[in-house]
Amino acid sequence: METFKALIVDKQEDDFSIELKNISQTDLPEGDILIKVHYSSVNYKDGLASIPDGNIVRNYPHIPGIDLAGVIVESTNDAFTVGQQVIATSYEIGVSQHGGFSEYARVSSEWVVPLPDGLTLKEAMIYGTAGFTAALAVHRLETSGVKKEDGPILVSGATGGVGSIAVSMLHKLGYEVTASTGKETEHDFLRSIGATNIISREALQPEKVRPLDKQLWAGAIDPVGGKTLSYILSTIKYGGAVSVMGLTGGPKLETTVFPFILRGVNLLGIDSVYCPMNERKVIWERMASDLKPNTLNDVVHEVTLEELPATLEAILAGKIKGRTIVSLI
């Protein structure tokens, strides 16, 4: 291995570029694990890393890609062996350290998860950070006491990466799922992955949000935030919970204490970036077993490194449905 391909973004004063380049191991950061990357995945955060004002990348030049899965080719940590299949997502990958849009990646072993039985490397990246976030959100709903017999679960932003996988996972577990989307053309897609009911994006954004409204859902998974979350909180059933992990609807939340003190509603913040490794491994094991949707391989579009710049533009424009992965083999 003398050189290999990687997608490089660079910003120097007023100049910004994004292009495929040949680099060498000396261009990679320090770390005790060297991975031959087989697959990466495309996330909204990666899209932000590909533009000059995305406020994601901390140092240039930079290799984006917050997710990667592949095979270890070098290890100085006895807990990991050459030839072992592994996953690395979150932490500083693709943000302050070079990420997965490269044929090789060097990372800290503290960020690496052995590939669980029941998953392929490709499936791990169909999940990626979006799938891990969805799984963590479902897991937290369950541990907060939400059960399938309590009533339907709402998923907002349901055609996105997190939302679509959350719909599939909840369906796999036997929950009745209400999916919300602003894309009328995607209703058949949402039904195919497990949505029982579909409502419009506007249905979750009434002109006036009451402190407490009609109790509609036992729980919710919300990647949207903003006014949507304000309304969702007012409509959760007694003792229910909302997992929130996004702010595409804005960071501001206008609510009252009433859902929390009169209905016992729990607001669960979902952070997949620094989720502790002990819990991270538990979630990945569930993603390989009881949470693994039967439709997992039906929600994926595969691209090459050469196709990545256009794909990153598409995800920023909201034109990506389901999951997109990058093949590097």
C-alpha atoms as a PDB file:
ATOM      1  CA  MET A   1       0.000   0.000   0.000  1.00  0.00           C
ATOM      2  CA  GLU A   2       1.843   3.071  -1.246  1.00  0.00           C
ATOM      3  CA  THR A   3      -1.093   5.372  -1.925  1.00  0.00           C
ATOM      4  CA  PHE A   4      -4.851   5.086  -1.695  1.00  0.00           C
ATOM      5  CA  LYS A   5      -7.913   7.175  -2.486  1.00  0.00           C
ATOM      6  CA  ALA A   6      -9.670   9.557  -0.124  1.00  0.00           C
ATOM      7  CA  LEU A   7     -12.139  12.426  -0.450  1.00  0.00           C
ATOM      8  CA  ILE A   8     -10.419  15.588   0.748  1.00  0.00           C
ATOM      9  CA  VAL A   9     -12.047  18.874   1.677  1.00  0.00           C
ATOM     10  CA  ASP A  10      -9.753  21.850   2.055  1.00  0.00           C
ATOM     11  CA  LYS A  11     -10.261  25.450   3.077  1.00  0.00           C
ATOM     12  CA  GLN A  12      -7.512  28.027   2.912  1.00  0.00           C
ATOM     13  CA  GLU A  13      -8.635  31.629   3.487  1.00  0.00           C
ATOM     14  CA  ASP A  14     -11.245  32.255   0.747  1.00  0.00           C
ATOM     15  CA  ASP A  15     -10.540  29.085  -1.224  1.00  0.00           C
ATOM     16  CA  PHE A  16     -12.528  25.870  -0.670  1.00  0.00           C
ATOM     17  CA  SER A  17     -12.214  22.584  -2.524  1.00  0.00           C
ATOM     18  CA  ILE A  18     -13.608  19.069  -2.391  1.00  0.00           C
ATOM     19  CA  GLU A  19     -11.905  16.418  -4.517  1.00  0.00           C
ATOM     20  CA  LEU A  20     -10.715  12.841  -4.673  1.00  0.00           C
ATOM     21  CA  LYS A  21      -6.972  12.534  -4.039  1.00  0.00           C
ATOM     22  CA  ASN A  22      -4.313   9.872  -3.612  1.00  0.00           C
ATOM     23  CA  ILE A  23      -2.783   9.980  -0.127  1.00  0.00           C
ATOM     24  CA  SER A  24      -0.513   7.754   1.972  1.00  0.00           C
ATOM     25  CA  GLN A  25      -0.453   6.388   5.504  1.00  0.00           C
ATOM     26  CA  THR A  26       1.657   9.343   6.617  1.00  0.00           C
ATOM     27  CA  ASP A  27      -1.355  11.586   5.890  1.00  0.00           C
ATOM     28  CA  LEU A  28      -3.481   9.699   8.420  1.00  0.00           C
ATOM     29  CA  PRO A  29      -3.741  10.729  12.093  1.00  0.00           C
ATOM     30  CA  GLU A  30      -2.256   8.887  15.033  1.00  0.00           C
ATOM     31  CA  GLY A  31      -4.081   5.864  16.407  1.00  0.00           C
ATOM     32  CA  ASP A  32      -3.495   2.267  17.412  1.00  0.00           C
ATOM     33  CA  ILE A  33      -5.823   0.680  14.836  1.00  0.00           C
ATOM     34  CA  LEU A  34      -5.426   0.830  11.038  1.00  0.00           C
ATOM     35  CA  ILE A  35      -8.549  -0.262   9.150  1.00  0.00           C
ATOM     36  CA  LYS A  36      -9.059  -1.194   5.507  1.00  0.00           C
ATOM     37  CA  VAL A  37     -12.388   0.530   5.020  1.00  0.00           C
ATOM     38  CA  HIS A  38     -14.990  -1.538   3.177  1.00  0.00           C
ATOM     39  CA  TYR A  39     -17.991   0.751   3.645  1.00  0.00           C
ATOM     40  CA  SER A  40     -18.822   4.170   4.994  1.00  0.00           C
ATOM     41  CA  SER A  41     -22.185   5.956   5.081  1.00  0.00           C
ATOM     42  CA  VAL A  42     -23.538   9.376   4.180  1.00  0.00           C
ATOM     43  CA  ASN A  43     -25.035  11.502   6.948  1.00  0.00           C
ATOM     44  CA  TYR A  44     -26.311  15.071   7.076  1.00  0.00           C
ATOM     45  CA  LYS A  45     -23.296  15.909   9.232  1.00  0.00           C
ATOM     46  CA  ASP A  46     -21.048  14.711   6.401  1.00  0.00           C
ATOM     47  CA  GLY A  47     -22.873  17.049   4.059  1.00  0.00           C
ATOM     48  CA  LEU A  48     -22.109  19.943   6.383  1.00  0.00           C
ATOM     49  CA  ALA A  49     -18.453  18.882   6.428  1.00  0.00           C
ATOM     50  CA  SER A  50     -18.383  19.203   2.637  1.00  0.00           C
ATOM     51  CA  ILE A  51     -19.243  22.910   2.475  1.00  0.00           C
ATOM     52  CA  PRO A  52     -17.145  25.890   3.586  1.00  0.00           C
ATOM     53  CA  ASP A  53     -19.628  27.216   6.168  1.00  0.00           C
ATOM     54  CA  GLY A  54     -20.848  23.933   7.633  1.00  0.00           C
ATOM     55  CA  ASN A  55     -19.139  24.554  11.003  1.00  0.00           C
ATOM     56  CA  ILE A  56     -18.296  20.866  11.410  1.00  0.00           C
ATOM     57  CA  VAL A  57     -14.651  20.493  10.368  1.00  0.00           C
ATOM     58  CA  ARG A  58     -12.087  21.766  12.847  1.00  0.00           C
ATOM     59  CA  ASN A  59      -8.894  21.412  10.823  1.00  0.00           C
ATOM     60  CA  TYR A  60      -8.075  21.395   7.107  1.00  0.00           C
ATOM     61  CA  PRO A  61      -7.301  19.539   4.903  1.00  0.00           C
ATOM     62  CA  HIS A  62      -9.822  16.977   6.087  1.00  0.00           C
ATOM     63  CA  ILE A  63     -11.367  13.600   5.200  1.00  0.00           C
ATOM     64  CA  PRO A  64     -15.111  13.601   6.085  1.00  0.00           C
ATOM     65  CA  GLY A  65     -17.143  10.534   7.009  1.00  0.00           C
ATOM     66  CA  ILE A  66     -18.363  10.026  10.574  1.00  0.00           C
ATOM     67  CA  ASP A  67     -18.915   6.277  10.024  1.00  0.00           C
ATOM     68  CA  LEU A  68     -16.772   3.423   8.774  1.00  0.00           C
ATOM     69  CA  ALA A  69     -16.677  -0.363   8.815  1.00  0.00           C
ATOM     70  CA  GLY A  70     -13.886  -2.604   7.655  1.00  0.00           C
ATOM     71  CA  VAL A  71     -11.097  -5.018   8.496  1.00  0.00           C
ATOM     72  CA  ILE A  72      -8.135  -4.347  10.789  1.00  0.00           C
ATOM     73  CA  VAL A  73      -4.777  -4.446   8.991  1.00  0.00           C
ATOM     74  CA  GLU A  74      -2.627  -3.170  11.883  1.00  0.00           C
ATOM     75  CA  SER A  75      -3.216  -3.133  15.650  1.00  0.00           C
ATOM     76  CA  THR A  76      -1.046  -2.358  18.657  1.00  0.00           C
ATOM     77  CA  ASN A  77      -3.905  -3.136  21.056  1.00  0.00           C
ATOM     78  CA  ASP A  78      -4.035  -6.803  22.084  1.00  0.00           C
ATOM     79  CA  ALA A  79      -7.835  -6.589  22.341  1.00  0.00           C
ATOM     80  CA  PHE A  80      -8.037  -6.291  18.549  1.00  0.00           C
ATOM     81  CA  THR A  81      -6.450  -8.567  15.966  1.00  0.00           C
ATOM     82  CA  VAL A  82      -5.423  -8.254  12.332  1.00  0.00           C
ATOM     83  CA  GLY A  83      -8.236  -9.525  10.116  1.00  0.00           C
ATOM     84  CA  GLN A  84     -10.963  -8.673  12.632  1.00  0.00           C
ATOM     85  CA  GLN A  85     -14.101  -6.994  11.264  1.00  0.00           C
ATOM     86  CA  VAL A  86     -14.970  -3.801  13.139  1.00  0.00           C
ATOM     87  CA  ILE A  87     -17.171  -0.706  13.216  1.00  0.00           C
ATOM     88  CA  ALA A  88     -16.079   2.813  14.123  1.00  0.00           C
ATOM     89  CA  THR A  89     -18.603   5.642  14.416  1.00  0.00           C
ATOM     90  CA  SER A  90     -19.012   8.933  16.241  1.00  0.00           C
ATOM     91  CA  TYR A  91     -16.506  10.391  18.738  1.00  0.00           C
ATOM     92  CA  GLU A  92     -14.105  12.624  16.755  1.00  0.00           C
ATOM     93  CA  ILE A  93     -14.258  10.620  13.510  1.00  0.00           C
ATOM     94  CA  GLY A  94     -14.979  12.839  10.518  1.00  0.00           C
ATOM     95  CA  VAL A  95     -14.958  15.986  12.647  1.00  0.00           C
ATOM     96  CA  SER A  96     -11.632  16.724  14.311  1.00  0.00           C
ATOM     97  CA  GLN A  97     -10.016  13.573  12.899  1.00  0.00           C
ATOM     98  CA  HIS A  98      -9.987  12.107   9.397  1.00  0.00           C
ATOM     99  CA  GLY A  99     -13.032   9.950   8.741  1.00  0.00           C
ATOM    100  CA  GLY A 100     -14.404   7.134   6.640  1.00  0.00           C
ATOM    101  CA  PHE A 101     -14.398   8.553   3.107  1.00  0.00           C
ATOM    102  CA  SER A 102     -11.030   6.917   2.543  1.00  0.00           C
ATOM    103  CA  GLU A 103      -9.811   3.467   1.568  1.00  0.00           C
ATOM    104  CA  TYR A 104      -7.845   3.295   4.841  1.00  0.00           C
ATOM    105  CA  ALA A 105      -8.480   4.914   8.222  1.00  0.00           C
ATOM    106  CA  ARG A 106      -6.458   5.063  11.418  1.00  0.00           C
ATOM    107  CA  VAL A 107      -8.415   5.517  14.649  1.00  0.00           C
ATOM    108  CA  SER A 108      -8.184   5.005  18.390  1.00  0.00           C
ATOM    109  CA  SER A 109      -9.171   1.553  19.615  1.00  0.00           C
ATOM    110  CA  GLU A 110     -11.356   3.322  22.198  1.00  0.00           C
ATOM    111  CA  TRP A 111     -13.721   4.182  19.335  1.00  0.00           C
ATOM    112  CA  VAL A 112     -13.891   0.700  17.785  1.00  0.00           C
ATOM    113  CA  VAL A 113     -16.678  -1.887  18.178  1.00  0.00           C
ATOM    114  CA  PRO A 114     -16.201  -5.510  17.047  1.00  0.00           C
ATOM    115  CA  LEU A 115     -18.748  -6.399  14.371  1.00  0.00           C
ATOM    116  CA  PRO A 116     -21.525  -8.339  16.165  1.00  0.00           C
ATOM    117  CA  ASP A 117     -22.684 -11.737  14.965  1.00  0.00           C
ATOM    118  CA  GLY A 118     -25.743 -11.245  12.777  1.00  0.00           C
ATOM    119  CA  LEU A 119     -24.427  -8.181  10.927  1.00  0.00           C
ATOM    120  CA  THR A 120     -22.324  -7.765   7.816  1.00  0.00           C
ATOM    121  CA  LEU A 121     -20.005  -4.794   7.325  1.00  0.00           C
ATOM    122  CA  LYS A 122     -22.391  -3.483   4.686  1.00  0.00           C
ATOM    123  CA  GLU A 123     -25.372  -3.757   7.024  1.00  0.00           C
ATOM    124  CA  ALA A 124     -23.426  -1.988   9.760  1.00  0.00           C
ATOM    125  CA  MET A 125     -23.054   1.000   7.450  1.00  0.00           C
ATOM    126  CA  ILE A 126     -26.652   0.858   6.262  1.00  0.00           C
ATOM    127  CA  TYR A 127     -27.226   1.577   9.932  1.00  0.00           C
ATOM    128  CA  GLY A 128     -24.276   3.918  10.517  1.00  0.00           C
ATOM    129  CA  THR A 129     -24.685   6.732  13.024  1.00  0.00           C
ATOM    130  CA  ALA A 130     -28.297   7.251  11.899  1.00  0.00           C
ATOM    131  CA  GLY A 131     -29.197   3.645  12.671  1.00  0.00           C
ATOM    132  CA  PHE A 132     -27.307   3.658  15.933  1.00  0.00           C
ATOM    133  CA  THR A 133     -29.139   6.847  16.941  1.00  0.00           C
ATOM    134  CA  ALA A 134     -32.487   5.299  16.040  1.00  0.00           C
ATOM    135  CA  ALA A 135     -31.667   2.150  18.023  1.00  0.00           C
ATOM    136  CA  LEU A 136     -30.560   4.174  21.034  1.00  0.00           C
ATOM    137  CA  ALA A 137     -33.801   6.180  20.852  1.00  0.00           C
ATOM    138  CA  VAL A 138     -35.920   3.021  20.756  1.00  0.00           C
ATOM    139  CA  HIS A 139     -33.890   1.460  23.582  1.00  0.00           C
ATOM    140  CA  ARG A 140     -34.352   4.526  25.774  1.00  0.00           C
ATOM    141  CA  LEU A 141     -38.110   4.574  25.132  1.00  0.00           C
ATOM    142  CA  GLU A 142     -38.286   0.973  26.279  1.00  0.00           C
ATOM    143  CA  THR A 143     -36.163   1.516  29.390  1.00  0.00           C
ATOM    144  CA  SER A 144     -38.343   4.512  30.296  1.00  0.00           C
ATOM    145  CA  GLY A 145     -41.318   2.145  30.462  1.00  0.00           C
ATOM    146  CA  VAL A 146     -43.020   2.575  27.081  1.00  0.00           C
ATOM    147  CA  LYS A 147     -44.612  -0.708  25.954  1.00  0.00           C
ATOM    148  CA  LYS A 148     -46.261  -1.687  22.677  1.00  0.00           C
ATOM    149  CA  GLU A 149     -49.617  -2.259  24.377  1.00  0.00           C
ATOM    150  CA  ASP A 150     -49.614   1.379  25.550  1.00  0.00           C
ATOM    151  CA  GLY A 151     -50.542   2.678  22.099  1.00  0.00           C
ATOM    152  CA  PRO A 152     -48.974   4.023  18.897  1.00  0.00           C
ATOM    153  CA  ILE A 153     -45.499   5.527  18.658  1.00  0.00           C
ATOM    154  CA  LEU A 154     -44.989   8.661  16.567  1.00  0.00           C
ATOM    155  CA  VAL A 155     -41.889   9.101  14.387  1.00  0.00           C
ATOM    156  CA  SER A 156     -41.359  12.568  12.898  1.00  0.00           C
ATOM    157  CA  GLY A 157     -39.108  13.176   9.903  1.00  0.00           C
ATOM    158  CA  ALA A 158     -39.841   9.573   9.031  1.00  0.00           C
ATOM    159  CA  THR A 159     -38.215   9.417   5.583  1.00  0.00           C
ATOM    160  CA  GLY A 160     -34.824  10.569   6.891  1.00  0.00           C
ATOM    161  CA  GLY A 161     -31.977   8.322   7.999  1.00  0.00           C
ATOM    162  CA  VAL A 162     -32.897   8.200  11.696  1.00  0.00           C
ATOM    163  CA  GLY A 163     -36.642   8.296  11.130  1.00  0.00           C
ATOM    164  CA  SER A 164     -36.840   5.528   8.529  1.00  0.00           C
ATOM    165  CA  ILE A 165     -34.763   3.096  10.572  1.00  0.00           C
ATOM    166  CA  ALA A 166     -36.720   3.957  13.733  1.00  0.00           C
ATOM    167  CA  VAL A 167     -39.966   3.125  11.908  1.00  0.00           C
ATOM    168  CA  SER A 168     -38.534  -0.245  10.828  1.00  0.00           C
ATOM    169  CA  MET A 169     -37.184  -1.101  14.282  1.00  0.00           C
ATOM    170  CA  LEU A 170     -40.405  -0.213  16.077  1.00  0.00           C
ATOM    171  CA  HIS A 171     -42.394  -2.278  13.591  1.00  0.00           C
ATOM    172  CA  LYS A 172     -40.030  -5.224  14.134  1.00  0.00           C
ATOM    173  CA  LEU A 173     -40.705  -5.001  17.888  1.00  0.00           C
ATOM    174  CA  GLY A 174     -44.472  -5.047  17.317  1.00  0.00           C
ATOM    175  CA  TYR A 175     -45.312  -1.390  17.929  1.00  0.00           C
ATOM    176  CA  GLU A 176     -48.010   0.443  16.008  1.00  0.00           C
ATOM    177  CA  VAL A 177     -46.143   3.255  14.234  1.00  0.00           C
ATOM    178  CA  THR A 178     -47.466   6.621  13.076  1.00  0.00           C
ATOM    179  CA  ALA A 179     -45.017   8.201  10.655  1.00  0.00           C
ATOM    180  CA  SER A 180     -44.924  11.907   9.862  1.00  0.00           C
ATOM    181  CA  THR A 181     -43.477  13.258   6.618  1.00  0.00           C
ATOM    182  CA  GLY A 182     -43.659  16.292   4.375  1.00  0.00           C
ATOM    183  CA  LYS A 183     -43.170  14.096   1.298  1.00  0.00           C
ATOM    184  CA  GLU A 184     -46.510  12.850  -0.049  1.00  0.00           C
ATOM    185  CA  THR A 185     -44.694  10.743  -2.643  1.00  0.00           C
ATOM    186  CA  GLU A 186     -43.110   8.577   0.060  1.00  0.00           C
ATOM    187  CA  HIS A 187     -46.225   7.151   1.721  1.00  0.00           C
ATOM    188  CA  ASP A 188     -45.822   3.777   0.010  1.00  0.00           C
ATOM    189  CA  PHE A 189     -42.178   3.649   1.099  1.00  0.00           C
ATOM    190  CA  LEU A 190     -43.129   4.311   4.726  1.00  0.00           C
ATOM    191  CA  ARG A 191     -45.806   1.622   4.673  1.00  0.00           C
ATOM    192  CA  SER A 192     -43.320  -0.836   3.178  1.00  0.00           C
ATOM    193  CA  ILE A 193     -40.945  -0.374   6.123  1.00  0.00           C
ATOM    194  CA  GLY A 194     -43.612  -0.701   8.791  1.00  0.00           C
ATOM    195  CA  ALA A 195     -45.668   2.474   9.226  1.00  0.00           C
ATOM    196  CA  THR A 196     -49.299   1.763  10.134  1.00  0.00           C
ATOM    197  CA  ASN A 197     -50.491   5.345   9.884  1.00  0.00           C
ATOM    198  CA  ILE A 198     -49.041   8.348   8.034  1.00  0.00           C
ATOM    199  CA  ILE A 199     -49.659  11.997   8.830  1.00  0.00           C
ATOM    200  CA  SER A 200     -48.356  15.190   7.283  1.00  0.00           C
ATOM    201  CA  ARG A 201     -45.521  17.317   8.630  1.00  0.00           C
ATOM    202  CA  GLU A 202     -48.056  20.148   9.021  1.00  0.00           C
ATOM    203  CA  ALA A 203     -50.202  18.012  11.347  1.00  0.00           C
ATOM    204  CA  LEU A 204     -47.418  18.341  13.936  1.00  0.00           C
ATOM    205  CA  GLN A 205     -47.157  22.109  13.520  1.00  0.00           C
ATOM    206  CA  PRO A 206     -50.545  23.648  14.389  1.00  0.00           C
ATOM    207  CA  GLU A 207     -50.801  27.408  14.392  1.00  0.00           C
ATOM    208  CA  LYS A 208     -51.192  27.384  18.181  1.00  0.00           C
ATOM    209  CA  VAL A 209     -49.624  24.770  20.450  1.00  0.00           C
ATOM    210  CA  ARG A 210     -51.581  24.218  23.665  1.00  0.00           C
ATOM    211  CA  PRO A 211     -49.753  23.392  26.920  1.00  0.00           C
ATOM    212  CA  LEU A 212     -51.707  20.110  26.946  1.00  0.00           C
ATOM    213  CA  ASP A 213     -53.616  18.684  23.994  1.00  0.00           C
ATOM    214  CA  LYS A 214     -55.410  15.412  23.293  1.00  0.00           C
ATOM    215  CA  GLN A 215     -53.356  12.384  24.351  1.00  0.00           C
ATOM    216  CA  LEU A 216     -52.448  10.633  21.100  1.00  0.00           C
ATOM    217  CA  TRP A 217     -49.192   8.681  21.380  1.00  0.00           C
ATOM    218  CA  ALA A 218     -47.556   6.466  23.977  1.00  0.00           C
ATOM    219  CA  GLY A 219     -44.178   7.719  22.860  1.00  0.00           C
ATOM    220  CA  ALA A 220     -42.342   9.466  20.071  1.00  0.00           C
ATOM    221  CA  ILE A 221     -39.009   9.631  18.286  1.00  0.00           C
ATOM    222  CA  ASP A 222     -38.290  13.148  17.075  1.00  0.00           C
ATOM    223  CA  PRO A 223     -35.329  14.124  14.871  1.00  0.00           C
ATOM    224  CA  VAL A 224     -37.010  17.468  14.078  1.00  0.00           C
ATOM    225  CA  GLY A 225     -37.253  19.523  17.277  1.00  0.00           C
ATOM    226  CA  GLY A 226     -38.563  23.092  17.300  1.00  0.00           C
ATOM    227  CA  LYS A 227     -42.313  23.633  17.079  1.00  0.00           C
ATOM    228  CA  THR A 228     -42.828  19.983  16.157  1.00  0.00           C
ATOM    229  CA  LEU A 229     -41.382  18.866  19.481  1.00  0.00           C
ATOM    230  CA  SER A 230     -43.455  21.459  21.351  1.00  0.00           C
ATOM    231  CA  TYR A 231     -46.628  19.967  19.889  1.00  0.00           C
ATOM    232  CA  ILE A 232     -45.528  16.365  20.360  1.00  0.00           C
ATOM    233  CA  LEU A 233     -44.919  16.931  24.074  1.00  0.00           C
ATOM    234  CA  SER A 234     -48.459  18.244  24.475  1.00  0.00           C
ATOM    235  CA  THR A 235     -49.946  15.090  22.914  1.00  0.00           C
ATOM    236  CA  ILE A 236     -48.024  12.286  24.652  1.00  0.00           C
ATOM    237  CA  LYS A 237     -50.108   9.950  26.808  1.00  0.00           C
ATOM    238  CA  TYR A 238     -49.728   9.779  30.560  1.00  0.00           C
ATOM    239  CA  GLY A 239     -46.382   8.213  31.513  1.00  0.00           C
ATOM    240  CA  GLY A 240     -45.098   8.307  27.940  1.00  0.00           C
ATOM    241  CA  ALA A 241     -41.770   9.533  26.623  1.00  0.00           C
ATOM    242  CA  VAL A 242     -40.155  11.346  23.710  1.00  0.00           C
ATOM    243  CA  SER A 243     -36.665  10.570  22.398  1.00  0.00           C
ATOM    244  CA  VAL A 244     -35.243  13.691  20.747  1.00  0.00           C
ATOM    245  CA  MET A 245     -32.017  13.843  18.739  1.00  0.00           C
ATOM    246  CA  GLY A 246     -32.375  16.535  16.087  1.00  0.00           C
ATOM    247  CA  LEU A 247     -33.066  20.171  15.346  1.00  0.00           C
ATOM    248  CA  THR A 248     -33.947  20.419  11.668  1.00  0.00           C
ATOM    249  CA  GLY A 249     -37.003  22.355  12.873  1.00  0.00           C
ATOM    250  CA  GLY A 250     -34.816  24.692  14.914  1.00  0.00           C
ATOM    251  CA  PRO A 251     -33.105  24.571  18.326  1.00  0.00           C
ATOM    252  CA  LYS A 252     -35.700  26.593  20.211  1.00  0.00           C
ATOM    253  CA  LEU A 253     -38.251  24.689  22.312  1.00  0.00           C
ATOM    254  CA  GLU A 254     -41.347  26.454  23.633  1.00  0.00           C
ATOM    255  CA  THR A 255     -43.218  24.355  26.149  1.00  0.00           C
ATOM    256  CA  THR A 256     -44.479  24.349  29.718  1.00  0.00           C
ATOM    257  CA  VAL A 257     -43.914  22.078  32.681  1.00  0.00           C
ATOM    258  CA  PHE A 258     -47.451  20.672  32.350  1.00  0.00           C
ATOM    259  CA  PRO A 259     -46.646  17.587  30.223  1.00  0.00           C
ATOM    260  CA  PHE A 260     -43.963  16.642  32.748  1.00  0.00           C
ATOM    261  CA  ILE A 261     -45.764  17.304  36.027  1.00  0.00           C
ATOM    262  CA  LEU A 262     -49.372  16.543  35.056  1.00  0.00           C
ATOM    263  CA  ARG A 263     -48.838  13.601  32.709  1.00  0.00           C
ATOM    264  CA  GLY A 264     -45.451  12.298  33.858  1.00  0.00           C
ATOM    265  CA  VAL A 265     -43.980  12.621  30.366  1.00  0.00           C
ATOM    266  CA  ASN A 266     -40.239  12.010  29.983  1.00  0.00           C
ATOM    267  CA  LEU A 267     -38.098  13.965  27.506  1.00  0.00           C
ATOM    268  CA  LEU A 268     -35.117  11.771  26.601  1.00  0.00           C
ATOM    269  CA  GLY A 269     -32.080  13.431  25.041  1.00  0.00           C
ATOM    270  CA  ILE A 270     -30.303  11.070  22.617  1.00  0.00           C
ATOM    271  CA  ASP A 271     -26.582  11.626  22.043  1.00  0.00           C
ATOM    272  CA  SER A 272     -24.924   9.034  19.841  1.00  0.00           C
ATOM    273  CA  VAL A 273     -21.559  10.807  19.589  1.00  0.00           C
ATOM    274  CA  TYR A 274     -20.244  10.232  23.107  1.00  0.00           C
ATOM    275  CA  CYS A 275     -22.510   7.369  24.152  1.00  0.00           C
ATOM    276  CA  PRO A 276     -20.409   5.276  26.592  1.00  0.00           C
ATOM    277  CA  MET A 277     -18.770   2.225  25.046  1.00  0.00           C
ATOM    278  CA  ASN A 278     -20.458  -0.263  27.402  1.00  0.00           C
ATOM    279  CA  GLU A 279     -23.907   0.955  26.301  1.00  0.00           C
ATOM    280  CA  ARG A 280     -22.734   1.355  22.696  1.00  0.00           C
ATOM    281  CA  LYS A 281     -21.858  -2.356  22.500  1.00  0.00           C
ATOM    282  CA  VAL A 282     -25.241  -3.329  23.972  1.00  0.00           C
ATOM    283  CA  ILE A 283     -27.032  -1.251  21.336  1.00  0.00           C
ATOM    284  CA  TRP A 284     -25.002  -2.720  18.462  1.00  0.00           C
ATOM    285  CA  GLU A 285     -25.768  -6.231  19.723  1.00  0.00           C
ATOM    286  CA  ARG A 286     -29.483  -5.385  19.663  1.00  0.00           C
ATOM    287  CA  MET A 287     -29.083  -3.921  16.166  1.00  0.00           C
ATOM    288  CA  ALA A 288     -27.773  -7.312  15.079  1.00  0.00           C
ATOM    289  CA  SER A 289     -30.622  -9.206  16.723  1.00  0.00           C
ATOM    290  CA  ASP A 290     -34.047  -8.125  17.981  1.00  0.00           C
ATOM    291  CA  LEU A 291     -33.920  -4.597  16.519  1.00  0.00           C
ATOM    292  CA  LYS A 292     -32.714  -5.670  13.064  1.00  0.00           C
ATOM    293  CA  PRO A 293     -35.470  -4.874  10.562  1.00  0.00           C
ATOM    294  CA  ASN A 294     -36.374  -7.383   7.883  1.00  0.00           C
ATOM    295  CA  THR A 295     -36.304  -4.451   5.449  1.00  0.00           C
ATOM    296  CA  LEU A 296     -32.810  -3.221   6.387  1.00  0.00           C
ATOM    297  CA  ASN A 297     -31.338  -3.986   2.968  1.00  0.00           C
ATOM    298  CA  ASP A 298     -34.331  -2.377   1.216  1.00  0.00           C
ATOM    299  CA  VAL A 299     -33.627   1.195   2.377  1.00  0.00           C
ATOM    300  CA  VAL A 300     -30.125   1.598   0.969  1.00  0.00           C
ATOM    301  CA  HIS A 301     -28.547   3.259  -2.058  1.00  0.00           C
ATOM    302  CA  GLU A 302     -24.879   2.537  -2.772  1.00  0.00           C
ATOM    303  CA  VAL A 303     -22.401   5.066  -4.225  1.00  0.00           C
ATOM    304  CA  THR A 304     -18.676   5.249  -4.945  1.00  0.00           C
ATOM    305  CA  LEU A 305     -16.084   7.740  -3.713  1.00  0.00           C
ATOM    306  CA  GLU A 306     -16.290   9.420  -7.120  1.00  0.00           C
ATOM    307  CA  GLU A 307     -20.045   9.945  -6.693  1.00  0.00           C
ATOM    308  CA  LEU A 308     -19.739  11.346  -3.178  1.00  0.00           C
ATOM    309  CA  PRO A 309     -19.604  15.113  -3.908  1.00  0.00           C
ATOM    310  CA  ALA A 310     -22.955  15.007  -5.711  1.00  0.00           C
ATOM    311  CA  THR A 311     -24.411  12.765  -2.999  1.00  0.00           C
ATOM    312  CA  LEU A 312     -23.334  15.175  -0.267  1.00  0.00           C
ATOM    313  CA  GLU A 313     -25.050  18.009  -2.139  1.00  0.00           C
ATOM    314  CA  ALA A 314     -28.198  15.896  -2.358  1.00  0.00           C
ATOM    315  CA  ILE A 315     -28.364  15.130   1.366  1.00  0.00           C
ATOM    316  CA  LEU A 316     -28.044  18.839   2.196  1.00  0.00           C
ATOM    317  CA  ALA A 317     -30.886  19.559  -0.235  1.00  0.00           C
ATOM    318  CA  GLY A 318     -33.135  16.972   1.467  1.00  0.00           C
ATOM    319  CA  LYS A 319     -33.184  14.720  -1.602  1.00  0.00           C
ATOM    320  CA  ILE A 320     -31.952  11.528   0.081  1.00  0.00           C
ATOM    321  CA  LYS A 321     -34.474   8.851   1.080  1.00  0.00           C
ATOM    322  CA  GLY A 322     -33.514   6.146   3.550  1.00  0.00           C
ATOM    323  CA  ARG A 323     -29.780   5.406   3.749  1.00  0.00           C
ATOM    324  CA  THR A 324     -26.868   5.935   1.362  1.00  0.00           C
ATOM    325  CA  ILE A 325     -23.618   4.024   1.817  1.00  0.00           C
ATOM    326  CA  VAL A 326     -20.222   4.382   0.199  1.00  0.00           C
ATOM    327  CA  SER A 327     -18.512   1.246  -1.115  1.00  0.00           C
ATOM    328  CA  LEU A 328     -14.706   1.295  -0.947  1.00  0.00           C
ATOM    329  CA  ILE A 329     -14.052  -2.298  -2.012  1.00  0.00           C
END
